Amino acid sequence: MANLIEKRMKKAFAETGLDISSSTMKKSVGSKPHPKNEGPSSPQVSKTQSQPSAVSLSEVFERWQRSHPRPEKPKSRPLDLSCYGTPRIPQRDNAHEPGFRLQLNPGARLLIGVEQTEALPILAGFCANGRSTQCGDGTTDAREIVLGLDFGTSSVKTVIGDSALGKAFAVPFREGDGVKRYLLPSRLYETGGCYSFDGGGTAHRDLKLALIAAPRSSPQRERVVAFLAMVIRHARGWLFATHRDVYRRSRLVWKLVIGLPIAYHLDDELFHTFTEVGQAAWLAACDQGEVSALSVKKALSKAEHANPDSGIHSEDEDVEVSIVPEIAAQIYGFVNSSRFDKNAPNIFLLGDVGAGSVDSALFHVKPARGGRWDFEFFTSVVEPNGVMNLHRHRVNWWQEALGKIEGGEALSAALADLKFPTDSEAPLPDHFTGYFSGVGVEFSKGAETPDDYFFMKKLVHQVRGQSYWRAWKDGLLSPDQLVDIPAFYCGGGMRMRYYNRLKNEMKTIPGVTWLKAIPRPIQRPRNLEAPTLRGQDYDRLTVAYGLSFLEVGAVTKSLPPPKLPPQPKPSWRDNYVDKDHC
């Protein structure tokens, strides 16, 4: 093998004019030197050239490298992908790369707010007849009448219940047909110190939310008292005019029941505030003059400093004011029907989508003594995830997006004027892209639209996470108790397809197959008189109807059971008896 390598090396280097001796090759290839050949090797003379100096193999190799430089690799050229079009680079959803692209076309314009619904006129003439609490002389039997008042963020609904007669009357506020006839916008007008439902002066809006935000604020309390006083007057006047033959000979004993979200119901300050406001509103409604700033302040002072032991000064002041959880009233029509099984677990999930907020709760209901109902709430959450807050979320997104492109300032300014209050009756688009025409929106893969963000991170997080899943997480209920929970969805917001998706979203929960809520319909009760109201619109009146009949017993908040310390493992010593104890 060594001889073969030697021959090939000699041949290769001979071509370059170099001669390599055998002794040099042997040393280079690792052959052991022979004692007789120690010392310099005898050079051989080439036939073609003069005798060169003896060189080592490493020197030969260096010379060969210098005489044979390696060719440079050609620089790589970029591939020509022009035949495939311009490649799209996905954008990430962050401050510098928003994850979407807007395109303004010629003639782009704002669509929302163009087609406003026409406001229906208020039914006039009833307030004047409702200053008194009695329909006639009241010489015969006493009859209890319950005025159920659903003071909503966007509108007020009222139902008068007569348990002796076995009927409930939905009070109309406006001319027209359908459910809008029974909805009074939560809006108050003030002119010269006097209040009215419509026309002129200063408009006071967001009455309920303003009171909840500042329950001790005198201006907020006065406006709510004035508004509710006029509602009470209208409801009593309508009852006396429409059903005079039924009530003119009876002495009417009134009860005022106002609904409040359960989370606020458990708040002592808000509970006390709404009780005082309800009492003052009843007193202001009984004043023989106009509902004015002076009469409202007088009624509030009287309600705030009322002494229970001082007795009743007049028959009109003889009223019982109760504050009831709205969710309890929502399902009264169900629990009082033949569909309610007293022997079932009767754990329910309810989501009420309003204009300003969403009220969701998981609770247990059971009959108590005296025709009352007890409610135990496992979870109760009120979050500003209602329809108008979805609208404001969309408006904020559009304003920020339009502010980043040329020509978007005018559209953004037009949209700013439409952050209307919560008492608006204008329909909202089911998708955020319906706010404009001529504006294209393209999202990159993985980017979140404003609608998706609000739906999953706010609405679903509240109803599924905080109201449903948390009952198991906090140890309040076991998985077996949470399987196929009956769920009721109501409120004006559920008419939007956007919010109606919540029903299907709650049927399946990724990764938790046993946690699913089954939607149940809310059917209109037979004893409710509400001409022109369609069955599918009854859910707008469920709270008011329940308030007019429901007798609430105990309202409690469930607490997680105490965690017991782990039992020690038995040891062999536990069964061993020492000889000293024998």
Protein backbone atom coordinates (compact mmCIF):
# COMPACT_ATOMS: atom_id res chain seq x y z
CA MET A 1 0.00 0.00 0.00
CA ALA A 2 2.85 2.37 0.85
CA ASN A 3 4.58 1.62 -2.46
CA LEU A 4 1.40 2.39 -4.37
CA ILE A 5 0.98 5.74 -2.63
CA GLU A 6 4.62 6.55 -3.26
CA LYS A 7 4.31 5.89 -7.00
CA ARG A 8 1.20 8.03 -7.34
CA MET A 9 2.68 10.92 -5.38
CA LYS A 10 5.88 10.86 -7.48
CA LYS A 11 3.86 10.90 -10.66
CA ALA A 12 1.66 13.78 -9.51
CA PHE A 13 4.47 16.02 -8.36
CA ALA A 14 6.70 15.16 -11.30
CA GLU A 15 4.17 16.93 -13.50
CA THR A 16 4.89 20.11 -11.56
CA GLY A 17 8.68 19.82 -12.04
CA LEU A 18 9.43 18.41 -8.62
CA ASP A 19 11.18 15.16 -7.71
CA ILE A 20 10.49 13.38 -4.47
CA SER A 21 12.94 10.83 -3.12
CA SER A 22 11.81 7.51 -1.78
CA SER A 23 13.15 8.29 1.64
CA THR A 24 11.13 11.52 1.79
CA MET A 25 7.96 9.72 0.75
CA LYS A 26 8.49 6.97 3.29
CA LYS A 27 8.88 9.53 6.03
CA SER A 28 5.81 11.33 4.80
CA VAL A 29 3.63 8.28 4.72
CA GLY A 30 4.74 7.18 8.15
CA SER A 31 7.26 4.38 7.31
CA LYS A 32 9.80 3.61 9.95
CA PRO A 33 13.34 4.71 8.97
CA HIS A 34 15.90 1.94 8.40
CA PRO A 35 19.19 2.29 10.34
CA LYS A 36 21.26 2.19 7.12
CA ASN A 37 19.29 4.99 5.49
CA GLU A 38 19.53 7.47 8.32
CA GLY A 39 20.68 10.92 7.24
CA PRO A 40 19.91 12.87 4.09
CA SER A 41 18.59 10.90 1.14
CA SER A 42 20.51 10.64 -2.09
CA PRO A 43 18.77 12.81 -4.64
CA GLN A 44 17.89 11.51 -8.09
CA VAL A 45 18.49 13.58 -11.20
CA SER A 46 15.58 14.08 -13.53
CA LYS A 47 16.09 13.60 -17.25
CA THR A 48 14.26 16.74 -18.14
CA GLN A 49 15.64 19.25 -15.66
CA SER A 50 18.56 19.92 -13.39
CA GLN A 51 18.79 18.47 -9.97
CA PRO A 52 16.45 20.25 -7.56
CA SER A 53 16.90 20.65 -3.87
CA ALA A 54 15.30 18.04 -1.66
CA VAL A 55 12.01 19.33 -0.14
CA SER A 56 9.58 17.94 2.37
CA LEU A 57 6.08 16.85 1.47
CA SER A 58 4.48 19.76 3.35
CA GLU A 59 6.48 22.27 1.35
CA VAL A 60 5.49 20.54 -1.86
CA PHE A 61 1.84 20.66 -0.89
CA GLU A 62 1.98 24.38 -0.07
CA ARG A 63 3.60 25.11 -3.46
CA TRP A 64 0.93 23.09 -5.22
CA GLN A 65 -1.87 25.00 -3.46
CA ARG A 66 -0.38 28.34 -4.50
CA SER A 67 -0.12 27.21 -8.13
CA HIS A 68 -3.66 25.79 -8.16
CA PRO A 69 -5.96 28.34 -6.49
CA ARG A 70 -9.51 27.12 -5.80
CA PRO A 71 -12.12 28.74 -8.05
CA GLU A 72 -14.50 31.13 -6.26
CA LYS A 73 -18.06 29.96 -5.87
CA PRO A 74 -20.51 32.01 -7.90
CA LYS A 75 -22.62 34.33 -5.79
CA SER A 76 -26.15 33.02 -5.34
CA ARG A 77 -28.84 35.00 -7.16
CA PRO A 78 -32.31 35.50 -5.71
CA LEU A 79 -35.05 33.42 -7.21
CA ASP A 80 -37.34 35.19 -9.59
CA LEU A 81 -40.83 34.75 -8.13
CA SER A 82 -42.50 37.46 -10.17
CA CYS A 83 -44.59 34.90 -11.96
CA TYR A 84 -46.32 34.09 -8.66
CA GLY A 85 -47.28 37.69 -7.86
CA THR A 86 -46.21 39.80 -4.91
CA PRO A 87 -45.71 37.60 -1.83
CA ARG A 88 -47.94 38.58 1.15
CA ILE A 89 -46.11 39.01 4.42
CA PRO A 90 -48.36 38.20 7.38
CA GLN A 91 -48.70 41.01 9.89
CA ARG A 92 -48.68 40.55 13.62
CA ASP A 93 -51.18 42.14 15.93
CA ASN A 94 -49.11 44.68 17.83
CA ALA A 95 -48.63 48.42 18.08
CA HIS A 96 -46.38 48.66 15.00
CA GLU A 97 -48.09 46.05 12.84
CA PRO A 98 -51.83 46.18 13.63
CA GLY A 99 -52.67 43.01 11.73
CA PHE A 100 -55.13 44.59 9.31
CA ARG A 101 -55.23 46.86 6.31
CA LEU A 102 -57.83 49.50 5.47
CA GLN A 103 -58.69 50.67 1.98
CA LEU A 104 -60.81 53.77 1.40
CA ASN A 105 -62.69 53.78 -1.89
CA PRO A 106 -64.11 56.90 -3.53
CA GLY A 107 -67.47 57.82 -2.02
CA ALA A 108 -66.84 56.06 1.31
CA ARG A 109 -69.51 57.10 3.82
CA LEU A 110 -70.94 56.35 7.23
CA LEU A 111 -73.95 54.02 7.30
CA ILE A 112 -74.88 53.74 10.96
CA GLY A 113 -77.27 56.40 12.19
CA VAL A 114 -78.61 57.14 8.71
CA GLU A 115 -81.75 55.08 9.21
CA GLN A 116 -82.90 55.94 12.71
CA THR A 117 -86.08 54.43 14.06
CA GLU A 118 -88.93 56.85 14.43
CA ALA A 119 -89.76 57.57 18.06
CA LEU A 120 -93.30 56.62 19.00
CA PRO A 121 -95.39 59.31 20.72
CA ILE A 122 -95.98 59.00 24.47
CA LEU A 123 -99.51 58.15 25.53
CA ALA A 124 -100.80 61.36 27.13
CA GLY A 125 -103.41 61.96 29.80
CA PHE A 126 -102.67 59.15 32.23
CA CYS A 127 -100.22 60.93 34.52
CA ALA A 128 -102.85 63.39 35.72
CA ASN A 129 -105.16 60.55 36.82
CA GLY A 130 -102.38 58.69 38.62
CA ARG A 131 -101.72 61.21 41.37
CA SER A 132 -104.02 59.27 43.67
CA THR A 133 -103.47 55.71 44.80
CA GLN A 134 -107.20 54.89 44.68
CA CYS A 135 -109.43 54.35 41.68
CA GLY A 136 -112.74 55.15 43.41
CA ASP A 137 -114.35 55.45 46.82
CA GLY A 138 -112.88 52.15 48.05
CA THR A 139 -115.84 51.16 50.20
CA THR A 140 -115.59 47.40 49.75
CA ASP A 141 -112.85 44.82 50.10
CA ALA A 142 -109.14 45.57 50.24
CA ARG A 143 -107.14 44.26 47.34
CA GLU A 144 -103.36 44.06 47.03
CA ILE A 145 -101.93 45.39 43.78
CA VAL A 146 -98.25 44.97 42.88
CA LEU A 147 -96.52 47.39 40.56
CA GLY A 148 -93.53 45.57 39.06
CA LEU A 149 -91.05 48.13 37.75
CA ASP A 150 -88.15 46.99 35.58
CA PHE A 151 -85.87 50.03 35.57
CA GLY A 152 -83.57 49.14 32.70
CA THR A 153 -80.56 50.96 31.35
CA SER A 154 -82.22 51.79 28.03
CA SER A 155 -85.94 51.53 28.87
CA VAL A 156 -88.49 50.96 31.61
CA LYS A 157 -91.05 48.15 31.55
CA THR A 158 -93.96 47.95 33.98
CA VAL A 159 -96.46 45.19 34.77
CA ILE A 160 -99.27 45.44 37.34
CA GLY A 161 -100.09 42.14 39.04
CA ASP A 162 -103.33 41.22 40.80
CA SER A 163 -102.92 37.84 42.51
CA ALA A 164 -106.57 37.79 43.64
CA LEU A 165 -107.75 38.27 40.08
CA GLY A 166 -104.99 36.02 38.76
CA LYS A 167 -104.02 38.48 36.04
CA ALA A 168 -101.11 40.69 35.07
CA PHE A 169 -101.42 43.85 32.96
CA ALA A 170 -98.53 45.14 30.87
CA VAL A 171 -98.64 48.94 30.97
CA PRO A 172 -98.31 50.63 27.54
CA PHE A 173 -96.39 53.90 27.39
CA ARG A 174 -96.42 54.78 23.70
CA GLU A 175 -98.67 54.64 20.70
CA GLY A 176 -98.19 51.88 18.15
CA ASP A 177 -98.07 48.10 18.16
CA GLY A 178 -95.69 45.39 19.28
CA VAL A 179 -93.16 45.36 22.07
CA LYS A 180 -92.10 49.00 21.58
CA ARG A 181 -95.53 50.02 22.84
CA TYR A 182 -94.45 48.78 26.30
CA LEU A 183 -90.94 50.25 26.33
CA LEU A 184 -90.37 53.73 27.72
CA PRO A 185 -86.88 55.13 27.04
CA SER A 186 -85.00 55.89 30.28
CA ARG A 187 -84.79 59.56 29.45
CA LEU A 188 -86.04 62.61 31.33
CA TYR A 189 -86.53 66.22 30.25
CA GLU A 190 -86.35 69.20 32.59
CA THR A 191 -87.79 72.63 31.79
CA GLY A 192 -88.02 75.42 34.33
CA GLY A 193 -87.69 73.04 37.26
CA CYS A 194 -90.48 70.73 36.01
CA TYR A 195 -90.00 67.27 34.52
CA SER A 196 -91.60 65.48 31.57
CA PHE A 197 -91.15 62.40 29.38
CA ASP A 198 -90.67 64.32 26.15
CA GLY A 199 -90.15 67.73 24.71
CA GLY A 200 -87.83 70.67 25.29
CA GLY A 201 -85.50 71.65 28.04
CA THR A 202 -82.51 69.72 29.27
CA ALA A 203 -82.37 65.99 28.53
CA HIS A 204 -81.09 63.71 31.29
CA ARG A 205 -79.85 60.33 30.06
CA ASP A 206 -78.13 57.24 31.45
CA LEU A 207 -80.19 57.62 34.63
CA LYS A 208 -79.63 54.15 36.07
CA LEU A 209 -75.93 53.87 35.31
CA ALA A 210 -75.29 57.34 36.71
CA LEU A 211 -77.02 56.44 39.98
CA ILE A 212 -75.12 53.15 40.30
CA ALA A 213 -71.84 54.99 39.68
CA ALA A 214 -72.63 57.69 42.30
CA PRO A 215 -75.36 56.38 44.64
CA ARG A 216 -74.96 59.28 47.11
CA SER A 217 -75.01 62.02 44.48
CA SER A 218 -78.00 64.31 45.08
CA PRO A 219 -78.49 65.30 41.41
CA GLN A 220 -78.49 61.66 40.29
CA ARG A 221 -80.92 60.62 43.00
CA GLU A 222 -83.27 63.51 42.23
CA ARG A 223 -83.40 62.71 38.51
CA VAL A 224 -84.12 59.03 39.11
CA VAL A 225 -86.82 59.89 41.67
CA ALA A 226 -88.46 62.31 39.23
CA PHE A 227 -88.37 59.78 36.39
CA LEU A 228 -89.77 56.89 38.45
CA ALA A 229 -92.43 59.16 39.98
CA MET A 230 -93.75 59.92 36.50
CA VAL A 231 -93.64 56.20 35.59
CA ILE A 232 -95.69 55.38 38.71
CA ARG A 233 -98.21 58.11 37.93
CA HIS A 234 -98.60 56.90 34.35
CA ALA A 235 -99.04 53.24 35.40
CA ARG A 236 -101.68 54.03 38.05
CA GLY A 237 -103.52 56.43 35.75
CA TRP A 238 -103.61 53.86 32.95
CA LEU A 239 -104.95 51.15 35.30
CA PHE A 240 -107.68 53.44 36.63
CA ALA A 241 -108.74 54.49 33.14
CA THR A 242 -108.64 51.03 31.56
CA HIS A 243 -109.95 48.84 34.41
CA ARG A 244 -112.03 51.29 36.39
CA ASP A 245 -115.00 48.93 36.67
CA VAL A 246 -112.81 46.33 38.38
CA TYR A 247 -111.13 48.55 40.98
CA ARG A 248 -113.35 51.58 41.67
CA ARG A 249 -115.07 49.97 44.68
CA SER A 250 -111.98 48.30 46.15
CA ARG A 251 -109.52 49.80 48.54
CA LEU A 252 -106.21 49.27 46.86
CA VAL A 253 -103.20 48.28 48.92
CA TRP A 254 -100.11 48.95 46.85
CA LYS A 255 -96.75 47.29 46.71
CA LEU A 256 -93.87 48.67 44.63
CA VAL A 257 -91.26 46.12 43.54
CA ILE A 258 -88.13 47.31 41.71
CA GLY A 259 -85.63 44.99 40.03
CA LEU A 260 -81.90 45.20 40.60
CA PRO A 261 -79.03 43.03 39.28
CA ILE A 262 -78.08 40.42 41.86
CA ALA A 263 -74.52 41.73 42.18
CA TYR A 264 -75.94 45.12 43.14
CA HIS A 265 -78.66 43.52 45.27
CA LEU A 266 -75.97 42.05 47.50
CA ASP A 267 -74.35 45.49 47.79
CA ASP A 268 -75.76 47.06 50.97
CA GLU A 269 -75.23 50.64 49.82
CA LEU A 270 -76.93 50.18 46.45
CA PHE A 271 -79.73 48.14 47.99
CA HIS A 272 -80.39 50.90 50.51
CA THR A 273 -80.13 53.61 47.82
CA PHE A 274 -82.69 52.00 45.53
CA THR A 275 -85.04 51.40 48.45
CA GLU A 276 -84.92 55.09 49.39
CA VAL A 277 -85.26 56.20 45.77
CA GLY A 278 -88.29 53.95 45.30
CA GLN A 279 -89.93 55.26 48.45
CA ALA A 280 -89.28 58.87 47.43
CA ALA A 281 -90.59 58.24 43.90
CA TRP A 282 -93.86 56.91 45.31
CA LEU A 283 -94.25 59.98 47.53
CA ALA A 284 -93.45 62.38 44.68
CA ALA A 285 -95.99 60.62 42.46
CA CYS A 286 -98.68 61.26 45.08
CA ASP A 287 -98.01 64.99 45.15
CA GLN A 288 -101.00 66.85 43.75
CA GLY A 289 -98.86 69.25 41.73
CA GLU A 290 -96.42 68.68 38.89
CA VAL A 291 -93.37 66.49 39.35
CA SER A 292 -90.87 69.26 39.95
CA ALA A 293 -87.43 69.75 41.46
CA LEU A 294 -89.07 71.09 44.61
CA SER A 295 -91.48 68.17 45.07
CA VAL A 296 -88.72 65.66 44.36
CA LYS A 297 -86.36 67.16 46.96
CA LYS A 298 -89.19 67.20 49.48
CA ALA A 299 -90.00 63.53 48.81
CA LEU A 300 -86.35 62.51 49.03
CA SER A 301 -85.90 64.28 52.36
CA LYS A 302 -88.98 62.57 53.72
CA ALA A 303 -87.85 59.13 52.53
CA GLU A 304 -84.30 59.52 53.83
CA HIS A 305 -85.44 60.61 57.31
CA ALA A 306 -88.51 58.42 57.61
CA ASN A 307 -88.99 56.91 61.04
CA PRO A 308 -90.62 53.46 60.88
CA ASP A 309 -92.22 54.04 64.29
CA SER A 310 -93.80 57.38 63.38
CA GLY A 311 -96.71 55.76 61.57
CA ILE A 312 -98.37 56.59 58.26
CA HIS A 313 -99.32 60.23 57.78
CA SER A 314 -101.63 59.60 54.82
CA GLU A 315 -103.12 56.74 52.86
CA ASP A 316 -100.97 57.54 49.84
CA GLU A 317 -97.82 56.91 51.87
CA ASP A 318 -98.99 53.41 52.73
CA VAL A 319 -96.85 51.45 50.31
CA GLU A 320 -94.39 48.59 50.67
CA VAL A 321 -91.23 49.04 48.61
CA SER A 322 -89.20 45.91 47.81
CA ILE A 323 -85.97 45.43 45.87
CA VAL A 324 -85.80 42.04 44.13
CA PRO A 325 -83.00 40.45 42.09
CA GLU A 326 -83.84 40.81 38.42
CA ILE A 327 -82.63 37.31 37.62
CA ALA A 328 -85.03 35.82 40.17
CA ALA A 329 -87.87 37.69 38.48
CA GLN A 330 -86.69 36.62 35.02
CA ILE A 331 -87.54 32.96 35.53
CA TYR A 332 -90.64 33.36 37.69
CA GLY A 333 -92.84 32.46 34.74
CA PHE A 334 -90.93 29.19 34.43
CA VAL A 335 -90.75 28.16 38.09
CA ASN A 336 -94.44 28.94 38.55
CA SER A 337 -95.48 26.85 35.54
CA SER A 338 -96.22 23.16 35.13
CA ARG A 339 -92.83 22.69 33.46
CA PHE A 340 -91.05 23.24 36.76
CA ASP A 341 -90.16 19.99 38.57
CA LYS A 342 -89.70 20.57 42.28
CA ASN A 343 -87.76 17.31 42.62
CA ALA A 344 -85.17 18.22 39.97
CA PRO A 345 -81.79 19.80 40.85
CA ASN A 346 -83.13 23.16 39.57
CA ILE A 347 -79.76 24.76 39.03
CA PHE A 348 -79.97 27.33 36.25
CA LEU A 349 -77.70 29.59 34.26
CA LEU A 350 -79.11 32.92 33.12
CA GLY A 351 -77.71 35.66 30.90
CA ASP A 352 -79.52 38.96 30.54
CA VAL A 353 -78.08 41.12 27.75
CA GLY A 354 -79.09 44.73 28.20
CA ALA A 355 -78.11 48.01 26.62
CA GLY A 356 -75.35 48.85 29.05
CA SER A 357 -74.46 45.65 30.90
CA VAL A 358 -74.79 41.87 30.89
CA ASP A 359 -76.11 40.24 34.06
CA SER A 360 -75.19 36.57 34.35
CA ALA A 361 -75.56 34.15 37.24
CA LEU A 362 -75.63 30.49 38.19
CA PHE A 363 -78.14 29.79 40.92
CA HIS A 364 -80.40 27.25 42.62
CA VAL A 365 -84.10 27.91 43.22
CA LYS A 366 -86.48 26.04 45.49
CA PRO A 367 -89.99 26.66 46.85
CA ALA A 368 -90.25 27.88 50.44
CA ARG A 369 -93.11 28.33 52.88
CA GLY A 370 -95.97 30.71 52.26
CA GLY A 371 -95.69 30.62 48.46
CA ARG A 372 -92.22 32.13 48.53
CA TRP A 373 -89.12 31.10 46.63
CA ASP A 374 -85.58 30.84 47.93
CA PHE A 375 -82.60 31.62 45.71
CA GLU A 376 -79.04 30.52 46.31
CA PHE A 377 -76.53 32.15 43.99
CA PHE A 378 -73.30 30.31 43.23
CA THR A 379 -71.98 33.05 40.95
CA SER A 380 -73.29 36.48 39.97
CA VAL A 381 -71.51 38.86 37.61
CA VAL A 382 -72.49 42.21 36.11
CA GLU A 383 -70.13 43.53 33.44
CA PRO A 384 -70.39 46.45 30.95
CA ASN A 385 -70.72 44.10 27.99
CA GLY A 386 -74.14 45.24 26.78
CA VAL A 387 -75.13 46.41 23.32
CA MET A 388 -74.15 50.05 23.65
CA ASN A 389 -70.77 49.18 25.13
CA LEU A 390 -70.17 46.88 22.17
CA HIS A 391 -71.01 49.86 19.98
CA ARG A 392 -68.56 52.09 21.84
CA HIS A 393 -65.88 49.41 21.57
CA ARG A 394 -66.40 49.34 17.80
CA VAL A 395 -66.37 53.13 17.53
CA ASN A 396 -63.07 53.32 19.43
CA TRP A 397 -61.56 50.70 17.11
CA TRP A 398 -62.70 52.50 13.97
CA GLN A 399 -61.46 55.87 15.20
CA GLU A 400 -58.02 54.48 15.96
CA ALA A 401 -57.84 52.62 12.65
CA LEU A 402 -59.07 55.54 10.53
CA GLY A 403 -56.65 57.89 12.25
CA LYS A 404 -53.73 55.94 10.79
CA ILE A 405 -54.61 56.30 7.11
CA GLU A 406 -54.82 59.28 4.82
CA GLY A 407 -58.35 60.51 4.25
CA GLY A 408 -59.83 58.79 7.29
CA GLU A 409 -60.13 61.90 9.47
CA ALA A 410 -63.52 62.92 8.09
CA LEU A 411 -65.07 59.49 8.63
CA SER A 412 -63.63 59.31 12.13
CA ALA A 413 -65.10 62.70 13.00
CA ALA A 414 -68.52 61.69 11.70
CA LEU A 415 -68.42 58.54 13.79
CA ALA A 416 -67.51 60.44 16.96
CA ASP A 417 -70.93 62.07 17.02
CA LEU A 418 -72.65 58.68 17.17
CA LYS A 419 -71.42 57.49 20.55
CA PHE A 420 -75.03 57.96 21.54
CA PRO A 421 -76.32 57.26 25.05
CA THR A 422 -77.74 53.98 26.21
CA ASP A 423 -81.36 55.01 25.65
CA SER A 424 -80.97 55.03 21.86
CA GLU A 425 -83.38 52.87 19.88
CA ALA A 426 -81.39 52.79 16.65
CA PRO A 427 -80.46 49.25 15.56
CA LEU A 428 -76.78 48.37 15.46
CA PRO A 429 -75.10 46.38 12.67
CA ASP A 430 -74.48 42.73 13.43
CA HIS A 431 -70.86 43.16 12.30
CA PHE A 432 -68.42 46.00 12.77
CA THR A 433 -67.88 46.29 9.00
CA GLY A 434 -71.49 47.43 8.63
CA TYR A 435 -70.64 50.88 9.97
CA PHE A 436 -69.31 52.12 6.60
CA SER A 437 -69.73 51.63 2.89
CA GLY A 438 -66.70 51.97 0.66
CA VAL A 439 -64.23 50.99 3.36
CA GLY A 440 -62.47 47.66 2.89
CA VAL A 441 -60.93 45.82 5.82
CA GLU A 442 -58.51 42.93 5.39
CA PHE A 443 -57.08 41.09 8.40
CA SER A 444 -53.90 39.07 8.33
CA LYS A 445 -53.94 35.45 9.37
CA GLY A 446 -54.29 35.07 13.13
CA ALA A 447 -55.29 38.70 13.75
CA GLU A 448 -58.35 39.33 15.89
CA THR A 449 -61.23 41.50 14.72
CA PRO A 450 -62.80 43.92 17.24
CA ASP A 451 -65.98 41.84 17.23
CA ASP A 452 -64.11 38.61 17.94
CA TYR A 453 -62.17 40.24 20.75
CA PHE A 454 -65.29 41.62 22.46
CA PHE A 455 -67.23 38.38 22.02
CA MET A 456 -64.60 35.96 23.32
CA LYS A 457 -62.53 38.09 25.73
CA LYS A 458 -65.46 39.93 27.30
CA LEU A 459 -68.88 38.33 26.74
CA VAL A 460 -67.95 34.63 26.68
CA HIS A 461 -65.34 35.15 29.39
CA GLN A 462 -68.05 36.57 31.64
CA VAL A 463 -70.88 34.10 31.01
CA ARG A 464 -68.86 30.93 30.52
CA GLY A 465 -65.77 31.65 32.58
CA GLN A 466 -66.84 33.80 35.51
CA SER A 467 -70.45 32.61 35.82
CA TYR A 468 -70.35 28.93 34.81
CA TRP A 469 -66.87 27.40 34.96
CA ARG A 470 -65.92 29.27 38.15
CA ALA A 471 -68.63 27.42 40.11
CA TRP A 472 -66.64 24.22 39.58
CA LYS A 473 -63.24 25.91 39.97
CA ASP A 474 -64.23 27.36 43.36
CA GLY A 475 -65.57 24.01 44.55
CA LEU A 476 -69.20 25.15 44.73
CA LEU A 477 -70.55 22.42 42.45
CA SER A 478 -69.28 19.08 41.19
CA PRO A 479 -68.91 18.16 37.51
CA ASP A 480 -71.99 15.92 37.73
CA GLN A 481 -74.07 18.89 38.87
CA LEU A 482 -72.92 21.09 35.99
CA VAL A 483 -73.67 18.73 33.10
CA ASP A 484 -76.44 19.98 30.77
CA ILE A 485 -77.37 22.94 32.95
CA PRO A 486 -80.59 24.63 31.70
CA ALA A 487 -79.71 28.11 30.46
CA PHE A 488 -82.03 31.06 29.91
CA TYR A 489 -80.99 33.95 27.66
CA CYS A 490 -83.02 37.14 27.60
CA GLY A 491 -82.83 40.90 27.21
CA GLY A 492 -83.02 43.16 24.21
CA GLY A 493 -79.45 42.40 23.16
CA MET A 494 -80.29 38.78 22.37
CA ARG A 495 -82.16 40.02 19.32
CA MET A 496 -78.83 40.75 17.67
CA ARG A 497 -77.32 37.79 15.86
CA TYR A 498 -74.02 38.84 17.37
CA TYR A 499 -75.21 38.12 20.93
CA ASN A 500 -77.42 35.20 19.91
CA ARG A 501 -74.25 33.26 19.04
CA LEU A 502 -73.75 32.91 22.79
CA LYS A 503 -76.29 30.07 22.87
CA ASN A 504 -74.23 27.84 20.60
CA GLU A 505 -70.95 28.90 22.18
CA MET A 506 -72.17 27.70 25.58
CA LYS A 507 -73.22 24.27 24.30
CA THR A 508 -69.64 23.07 23.93
CA ILE A 509 -66.53 24.15 25.79
CA PRO A 510 -63.16 23.11 24.32
CA GLY A 511 -61.32 20.73 26.61
CA VAL A 512 -64.19 20.41 29.10
CA THR A 513 -66.76 18.19 27.42
CA TRP A 514 -68.91 17.76 30.53
CA LEU A 515 -69.39 21.51 30.98
CA LYS A 516 -72.21 22.53 28.66
CA ALA A 517 -75.34 24.63 29.02
CA ILE A 518 -78.54 23.77 27.18
CA PRO A 519 -80.67 26.79 26.16
CA ARG A 520 -84.28 26.85 27.34
CA PRO A 521 -86.96 29.07 25.80
CA ILE A 522 -88.88 31.58 27.93
CA GLN A 523 -92.57 31.25 27.13
CA ARG A 524 -95.20 33.90 27.62
CA PRO A 525 -97.52 33.17 30.59
CA ARG A 526 -101.21 32.85 29.86
CA ASN A 527 -102.35 35.33 32.50
CA LEU A 528 -100.40 38.27 31.03
CA GLU A 529 -102.56 40.78 29.19
CA ALA A 530 -100.42 42.63 26.63
CA PRO A 531 -102.30 43.32 23.39
CA THR A 532 -100.23 43.25 20.15
CA LEU A 533 -97.21 41.75 21.98
CA ARG A 534 -95.76 38.85 20.03
CA GLY A 535 -94.71 35.70 21.83
CA GLN A 536 -91.05 36.00 20.80
CA ASP A 537 -90.92 39.49 22.34
CA TYR A 538 -92.17 38.46 25.76
CA ASP A 539 -88.63 38.16 27.11
CA ARG A 540 -88.48 41.97 27.20
CA LEU A 541 -91.19 41.89 29.88
CA THR A 542 -90.08 38.86 31.89
CA VAL A 543 -88.53 40.93 34.71
CA ALA A 544 -91.52 43.23 35.06
CA TYR A 545 -93.91 40.27 35.03
CA GLY A 546 -91.92 38.37 37.63
CA LEU A 547 -91.67 41.43 39.85
CA SER A 548 -95.46 41.78 39.87
CA PHE A 549 -96.00 38.25 41.26
CA LEU A 550 -92.82 36.82 42.73
CA GLU A 551 -92.64 36.45 46.51
CA VAL A 552 -88.96 36.16 47.31
CA GLY A 553 -87.89 34.31 50.41
CA ALA A 554 -84.20 34.00 51.23
CA VAL A 555 -81.58 35.31 48.82
CA THR A 556 -78.20 33.87 49.74
CA LYS A 557 -74.76 33.67 48.23
CA SER A 558 -73.21 30.25 48.21
CA LEU A 559 -69.81 29.86 49.79
CA PRO A 560 -67.26 27.16 48.96
CA PRO A 561 -67.27 24.27 51.42
CA PRO A 562 -64.37 24.22 53.89
CA LYS A 563 -61.47 22.11 52.83
CA LEU A 564 -60.90 19.30 55.32
CA PRO A 565 -57.31 18.38 56.15
CA PRO A 566 -56.20 15.09 54.61
CA GLN A 567 -56.66 12.04 56.81
CA PRO A 568 -53.34 10.50 57.95
CA LYS A 569 -52.50 7.14 56.44
CA PRO A 570 -52.93 4.26 58.90
CA SER A 571 -49.72 2.88 60.32
CA TRP A 572 -49.01 -0.65 61.59
CA ARG A 573 -48.55 0.88 65.03
CA ASP A 574 -52.25 1.83 65.07
CA ASN A 575 -53.14 -1.86 65.45
CA TYR A 576 -50.23 -2.78 67.67
CA VAL A 577 -50.75 -3.07 71.41
CA ASP A 578 -47.63 -2.60 73.46
CA LYS A 579 -46.98 -5.24 76.15
CA ASP A 580 -46.86 -2.48 78.76
CA HIS A 581 -50.61 -1.87 78.18
CA CYS A 582 -51.61 -5.52 78.57
